[in-house]
Amino acid sequence: MRFLAALLVSGACAGAQDPTPSFEAATVKVNNLGPTSPNGFSPTPGRLRVTNMPLQQLIQAAYHIKTGMLFGTAAWMQSERFDIDAKAPGSSTFEEDMVMLRALLAERFQLKFHRETRQLKIQTLVLAKSGPKFQLSKDQDQKERVNIRPTEISGTDIPFGHFVTILEAQLGYPILNETGLSGQFDLSLKYVRDDSPAAAADGPSVFAALADLGLKLEARQGPVEVFVIDSAERPREN
């Protein structure tokens, strides 16, 4: 059986839906362990297991929605958590699983949404006049090794696009990458949140830390495509 993904035409309240590949079988269960318990995706070829994840994060993963670009979430979509065990037809990749997750969200959660363009304040990451003060990794084919903490991103062979994505998640707002940098880099960013009472004594702000790397964040206002949830329902357990 093939389910229909809830993909509405941008800016419209309703529209035709395109068929999307779906899982052969899937169970969805409520997880009451809370946000401090382990959570995440555990993909293997042909199978996707999700543990202790709220609907908001499932939507962001399935549709590759950047931080700050998802609107219309109800409180339960952020607080209530779910386990999913899904079997794919064949030996699927994680990216293929995410496409099939869209169909599951439409079928089990009755997810409906649309995309629209809004004027938002965004941060743009650009190079400082000095240029980048970190190096390309010597072997561009090595696997990424990255240490991620609430105010730290450091490691080797980090794809620059992934560095920007992590920084977005840490700061909680969208960042437009206009550095022109690509490839894998060895770099270290450590900073103290501006709202920390010990910020001045314990370390630089994120802006100062980025400046040490030859990077700069500039605030701009501009049109941004966003993902807006029209409706969703709690799923019936299998």
Protein backbone atom coordinates (compact mmCIF):
# COMPACT_ATOMS: atom_id res chain seq x y z
CA MET A 1 0.00 0.00 0.00
CA ARG A 2 1.19 3.48 -0.79
CA PHE A 3 0.11 6.41 1.30
CA LEU A 4 -0.12 10.02 0.19
CA ALA A 5 2.32 12.55 1.63
CA ALA A 6 0.79 15.70 3.01
CA LEU A 7 2.52 18.05 0.63
CA LEU A 8 0.45 21.13 -0.14
CA VAL A 9 1.22 23.74 -2.74
CA SER A 10 3.29 26.62 -1.33
CA GLY A 11 1.11 29.32 0.21
CA ALA A 12 -2.13 27.41 -0.44
CA CYS A 13 -4.57 26.09 2.13
CA ALA A 14 -5.15 22.90 0.18
CA GLY A 15 -3.79 21.22 -2.90
CA ALA A 16 -3.09 18.02 -4.76
CA GLN A 17 -0.86 15.53 -2.98
CA ASP A 18 1.93 13.55 -4.62
CA PRO A 19 2.46 9.85 -3.97
CA THR A 20 5.45 9.12 -1.76
CA PRO A 21 7.18 5.79 -1.04
CA SER A 22 5.97 4.30 2.25
CA PHE A 23 7.09 1.75 4.82
CA GLU A 24 5.80 -1.80 4.43
CA ALA A 25 4.85 -1.89 8.12
CA ALA A 26 5.24 0.51 11.03
CA THR A 27 4.29 0.79 14.69
CA VAL A 28 3.91 4.07 16.57
CA LYS A 29 3.83 4.08 20.37
CA VAL A 30 3.77 6.76 23.04
CA ASN A 31 6.98 7.06 25.06
CA ASN A 32 6.50 8.40 28.59
CA LEU A 33 10.14 8.35 29.72
CA GLY A 34 10.56 12.10 29.25
CA PRO A 35 13.12 14.37 27.56
CA THR A 36 16.04 13.31 29.80
CA SER A 37 15.92 9.72 28.51
CA PRO A 38 17.91 8.67 25.42
CA ASN A 39 16.33 9.65 22.13
CA GLY A 40 17.16 9.66 18.45
CA PHE A 41 17.17 7.74 15.19
CA SER A 42 18.60 4.23 14.83
CA PRO A 43 18.57 3.44 11.11
CA THR A 44 19.75 0.17 9.56
CA PRO A 45 19.35 -0.89 5.92
CA GLY A 46 15.66 -1.55 5.40
CA ARG A 47 14.57 -0.49 8.88
CA LEU A 48 14.12 2.71 10.86
CA ARG A 49 13.77 2.86 14.63
CA VAL A 50 13.00 6.13 16.38
CA THR A 51 13.15 6.45 20.16
CA ASN A 52 11.57 9.08 22.42
CA MET A 53 11.13 11.80 19.78
CA PRO A 54 8.51 14.60 19.74
CA LEU A 55 6.48 15.21 16.59
CA GLN A 56 8.18 18.55 16.03
CA GLN A 57 11.59 16.90 15.65
CA LEU A 58 10.16 14.14 13.46
CA ILE A 59 8.78 16.77 11.08
CA GLN A 60 12.05 18.71 11.05
CA ALA A 61 14.03 15.56 10.23
CA ALA A 62 11.63 14.27 7.57
CA TYR A 63 11.47 17.58 5.69
CA HIS A 64 14.98 18.89 6.47
CA ILE A 65 13.58 22.01 8.13
CA LYS A 66 16.17 24.39 9.52
CA THR A 67 16.04 25.84 13.01
CA GLY A 68 13.52 28.67 13.24
CA MET A 69 11.72 27.74 10.00
CA LEU A 70 8.91 25.62 11.50
CA PHE A 71 5.70 27.38 12.59
CA GLY A 72 2.30 26.30 13.89
CA THR A 73 3.45 23.70 16.42
CA ALA A 74 1.05 23.03 19.29
CA ALA A 75 2.45 22.41 22.77
CA TRP A 76 1.87 18.64 22.61
CA MET A 77 3.92 18.41 19.41
CA GLN A 78 6.94 19.53 21.41
CA SER A 79 6.31 17.78 24.74
CA GLU A 80 4.75 14.39 23.90
CA ARG A 81 7.18 11.76 22.65
CA PHE A 82 6.92 8.69 20.44
CA ASP A 83 8.70 5.49 19.43
CA ILE A 84 8.54 4.30 15.83
CA ASP A 85 9.61 0.93 14.42
CA ALA A 86 9.26 0.84 10.63
CA LYS A 87 10.23 -1.71 7.98
CA ALA A 88 11.08 -0.47 4.50
CA PRO A 89 10.60 -2.33 1.22
CA GLY A 90 14.17 -3.36 0.37
CA SER A 91 17.48 -2.14 1.75
CA SER A 92 16.72 1.55 2.20
CA THR A 93 19.17 4.34 3.07
CA PHE A 94 18.56 6.84 5.87
CA GLU A 95 17.62 9.51 3.33
CA GLU A 96 15.07 7.17 1.75
CA ASP A 97 13.73 6.44 5.24
CA MET A 98 13.17 10.17 5.77
CA VAL A 99 11.09 10.32 2.58
CA MET A 100 9.00 7.38 3.78
CA LEU A 101 8.67 9.04 7.20
CA ARG A 102 6.75 11.83 5.45
CA ALA A 103 4.08 9.35 4.38
CA LEU A 104 3.93 7.93 7.92
CA LEU A 105 3.44 11.40 9.40
CA ALA A 106 0.57 12.03 6.97
CA GLU A 107 -1.07 8.65 7.67
CA ARG A 108 -0.57 8.20 11.42
CA PHE A 109 -0.43 11.82 12.63
CA GLN A 110 -2.76 13.26 9.96
CA LEU A 111 -0.13 15.95 9.33
CA LYS A 112 -1.21 18.75 7.00
CA PHE A 113 0.96 21.75 6.22
CA HIS A 114 1.86 24.37 3.67
CA ARG A 115 4.89 26.44 2.79
CA GLU A 116 4.90 30.20 2.54
CA THR A 117 7.34 33.08 2.31
CA ARG A 118 7.73 35.38 5.31
CA GLN A 119 9.90 38.38 6.03
CA LEU A 120 12.18 37.27 8.86
CA LYS A 121 15.24 38.53 10.65
CA ILE A 122 18.06 36.15 9.82
CA GLN A 123 21.76 36.00 10.50
CA THR A 124 24.11 35.76 7.54
CA LEU A 125 27.51 34.13 8.01
CA VAL A 126 30.21 35.85 5.96
CA LEU A 127 34.00 35.92 5.86
CA ALA A 128 35.84 38.67 7.70
CA LYS A 129 38.29 40.77 5.70
CA SER A 130 41.15 38.65 7.05
CA GLY A 131 39.65 35.50 5.55
CA PRO A 132 39.23 32.16 7.34
CA LYS A 133 41.68 31.39 10.14
CA PHE A 134 41.22 27.62 10.03
CA GLN A 135 42.50 24.99 7.66
CA LEU A 136 41.07 22.56 5.16
CA SER A 137 41.51 19.01 6.42
CA LYS A 138 44.49 17.26 4.80
CA ASP A 139 42.43 14.24 3.76
CA GLN A 140 39.04 15.31 2.39
CA ASP A 141 37.85 11.69 2.33
CA GLN A 142 38.22 11.09 6.07
CA LYS A 143 35.15 10.58 8.24
CA GLU A 144 34.06 13.61 10.26
CA ARG A 145 35.03 13.72 13.92
CA VAL A 146 33.19 16.43 15.80
CA ASN A 147 32.64 17.30 19.45
CA ILE A 148 29.33 19.11 19.97
CA ARG A 149 28.42 20.80 23.24
CA PRO A 150 25.91 23.60 23.96
CA THR A 151 28.59 26.26 23.30
CA GLU A 152 31.26 24.31 21.44
CA ILE A 153 31.86 22.87 17.98
CA SER A 154 35.29 21.36 17.47
CA GLY A 155 36.88 18.54 15.56
CA THR A 156 38.48 17.42 12.32
CA ASP A 157 37.16 16.79 8.81
CA ILE A 158 33.97 18.77 9.57
CA PRO A 159 31.96 19.61 6.41
CA PHE A 160 31.46 23.37 6.54
CA GLY A 161 27.75 23.03 5.82
CA HIS A 162 27.41 20.75 8.84
CA PHE A 163 29.26 23.29 10.99
CA VAL A 164 26.68 25.94 10.02
CA THR A 165 23.79 23.56 10.72
CA ILE A 166 25.13 22.80 14.22
CA LEU A 167 25.65 26.50 14.90
CA GLU A 168 22.02 27.18 13.87
CA ALA A 169 20.80 24.59 16.35
CA GLN A 170 22.95 26.03 19.14
CA LEU A 171 21.90 29.65 18.58
CA GLY A 172 18.25 28.86 17.81
CA TYR A 173 17.82 30.94 14.66
CA PRO A 174 18.40 30.44 10.92
CA ILE A 175 21.81 31.24 9.46
CA LEU A 176 22.39 31.91 5.77
CA ASN A 177 25.83 30.73 4.70
CA GLU A 178 27.41 33.28 2.35
CA THR A 179 31.06 32.46 3.07
CA GLY A 180 31.54 30.53 -0.16
CA LEU A 181 33.41 27.86 1.82
CA SER A 182 33.00 24.19 0.98
CA GLY A 183 34.84 21.02 1.87
CA GLN A 184 35.96 19.58 5.20
CA PHE A 185 37.79 21.63 7.82
CA ASP A 186 39.65 21.25 11.10
CA LEU A 187 38.25 23.94 13.39
CA SER A 188 37.30 24.78 16.95
CA LEU A 189 34.62 27.22 18.12
CA LYS A 190 34.12 27.75 21.86
CA TYR A 191 32.08 30.58 23.31
CA VAL A 192 29.95 31.68 26.25
CA ARG A 193 26.29 32.58 25.84
CA ASP A 194 25.66 36.31 26.02
CA ASP A 195 23.00 35.80 28.69
CA SER A 196 25.43 33.99 30.99
CA PRO A 197 26.22 36.07 34.13
CA ALA A 198 29.88 35.04 33.86
CA ALA A 199 30.19 35.64 30.12
CA ALA A 200 32.86 38.32 30.30
CA ALA A 201 35.03 36.35 32.71
CA ASP A 202 34.66 32.85 31.26
CA GLY A 203 35.11 33.41 27.56
CA PRO A 204 34.17 35.25 24.37
CA SER A 205 30.69 35.72 22.97
CA VAL A 206 29.80 33.73 19.87
CA PHE A 207 30.47 36.83 17.75
CA ALA A 208 33.95 37.26 19.21
CA ALA A 209 34.69 33.54 18.89
CA LEU A 210 33.62 33.57 15.24
CA ALA A 211 35.80 36.63 14.64
CA ASP A 212 38.79 34.63 15.91
CA LEU A 213 38.04 32.15 13.11
CA GLY A 214 37.78 34.90 10.49
CA LEU A 215 33.97 34.67 10.36
CA LYS A 216 31.24 37.21 11.01
CA LEU A 217 27.47 37.10 11.62
CA GLU A 218 25.46 39.94 10.08
CA ALA A 219 21.78 40.54 10.91
CA ARG A 220 19.52 41.01 7.89
CA GLN A 221 15.81 41.10 7.08
CA GLY A 222 14.63 39.18 4.07
CA PRO A 223 12.17 36.77 2.48
CA VAL A 224 12.45 33.22 3.81
CA GLU A 225 10.43 30.12 2.88
CA VAL A 226 8.95 28.58 6.03
CA PHE A 227 7.04 25.38 6.86
CA VAL A 228 3.67 25.98 8.54
CA ILE A 229 1.70 23.19 10.24
CA ASP A 230 -2.03 23.49 9.51
CA SER A 231 -3.11 20.53 11.64
CA ALA A 232 -1.97 17.25 13.17
CA GLU A 233 -3.47 14.65 15.49
CA ARG A 234 -2.15 12.33 18.14
CA PRO A 235 -1.72 8.89 16.58
CA ARG A 236 -3.64 5.78 17.52
CA GLU A 237 -1.23 3.23 18.93
CA ASN A 238 -0.70 -0.03 17.04
